[in-house]
Protein backbone atom coordinates (compact mmCIF):
# COMPACT_ATOMS: atom_id res chain seq x y z
CA UNK A 1 1.87 145.96 -183.53
CA UNK A 2 2.59 145.26 -187.28
CA UNK A 3 6.18 144.32 -188.28
CA UNK A 4 8.01 147.21 -190.27
CA UNK A 5 9.38 146.06 -193.58
CA UNK A 6 12.49 147.69 -195.03
CA UNK A 7 12.85 148.80 -198.68
CA UNK A 8 15.30 145.93 -199.47
CA UNK A 9 13.07 143.01 -197.93
CA UNK A 10 10.20 144.72 -199.93
CA UNK A 11 11.95 144.47 -203.27
CA UNK A 12 13.14 140.92 -202.49
CA UNK A 13 9.52 139.73 -201.59
CA UNK A 14 8.14 141.48 -204.80
CA UNK A 15 10.53 139.96 -206.93
CA UNK A 16 10.03 136.37 -205.55
CA UNK A 17 6.32 136.96 -206.37
CA UNK A 18 7.23 137.81 -210.06
CA UNK A 19 9.41 134.72 -210.22
CA UNK A 20 6.95 132.47 -208.79
CA UNK A 21 4.07 134.01 -211.35
CA UNK A 22 6.63 133.53 -214.04
CA UNK A 23 7.50 130.02 -213.24
CA UNK A 24 3.71 129.10 -212.90
CA UNK A 25 3.58 130.10 -216.73
CA UNK A 26 6.68 127.77 -217.37
CA UNK A 27 8.44 130.82 -218.88
CA UNK A 28 12.19 131.32 -218.69
CA UNK A 29 13.47 134.64 -217.77
CA UNK A 30 14.44 134.99 -221.47
CA UNK A 31 11.02 134.27 -222.78
CA UNK A 32 9.50 136.72 -220.26
CA UNK A 33 11.90 139.20 -221.17
CA UNK A 34 10.94 138.74 -224.90
CA UNK A 35 6.97 139.13 -223.95
CA UNK A 36 8.01 142.50 -222.23
CA UNK A 37 10.50 143.82 -224.74
CA UNK A 38 12.97 143.98 -222.08
CA UNK A 39 16.73 142.61 -221.63
CA UNK A 40 17.13 139.63 -219.69
CA UNK A 41 19.25 141.54 -217.01
CA UNK A 42 16.13 143.67 -216.46
CA UNK A 43 14.15 140.73 -215.57
CA UNK A 44 17.08 139.25 -213.47
CA UNK A 45 17.28 142.56 -211.49
CA UNK A 46 13.36 142.67 -210.89
CA UNK A 47 13.32 138.87 -209.64
CA UNK A 48 16.61 139.63 -207.31
CA UNK A 49 15.08 142.76 -205.80
CA UNK A 50 17.72 144.86 -207.43
CA UNK A 51 15.20 147.16 -209.31
CA UNK A 52 12.71 149.44 -207.89
CA UNK A 53 9.44 149.42 -209.82
CA UNK A 54 6.96 152.19 -210.48
CA UNK A 55 3.32 151.09 -210.09
CA UNK A 56 2.90 151.49 -213.94
CA UNK A 57 5.54 148.98 -214.31
CA UNK A 58 4.17 146.79 -211.59
CA UNK A 59 0.86 146.85 -213.58
CA UNK A 60 2.55 146.05 -216.84
CA UNK A 61 4.19 142.78 -215.29
CA UNK A 62 0.85 141.85 -213.92
CA UNK A 63 -0.88 142.21 -217.21
CA UNK A 64 1.95 140.30 -218.86
CA UNK A 65 1.76 137.56 -216.43
CA UNK A 66 -1.92 137.51 -216.59
CA UNK A 67 -2.31 137.76 -212.65
CA UNK A 68 -3.97 140.38 -210.49
CA UNK A 69 -1.61 143.02 -209.39
CA UNK A 70 -2.21 142.21 -205.65
CA UNK A 71 -0.61 138.68 -206.38
CA UNK A 72 2.74 140.54 -207.12
CA UNK A 73 2.22 142.93 -204.36
CA UNK A 74 1.41 140.28 -201.55
CA UNK A 75 4.34 140.67 -199.27
CA UNK A 76 3.10 139.22 -196.07
């Protein structure tokens, strides 16, 4: 039987995936925020799992990071 994941754990894992993809680009949170035309606090909330994202916003993040959306959604 597969382990169930709760919402908080899901958001944290997603945020970590975003952070890893950003760091692979050698971008600061501030640089990433500028590319997305968002406030630095917005990026911080995403990366720490304190913001629930819509699928459309996840796609925008993936495109900005130039990664496949599955990279951000990989929570195993």
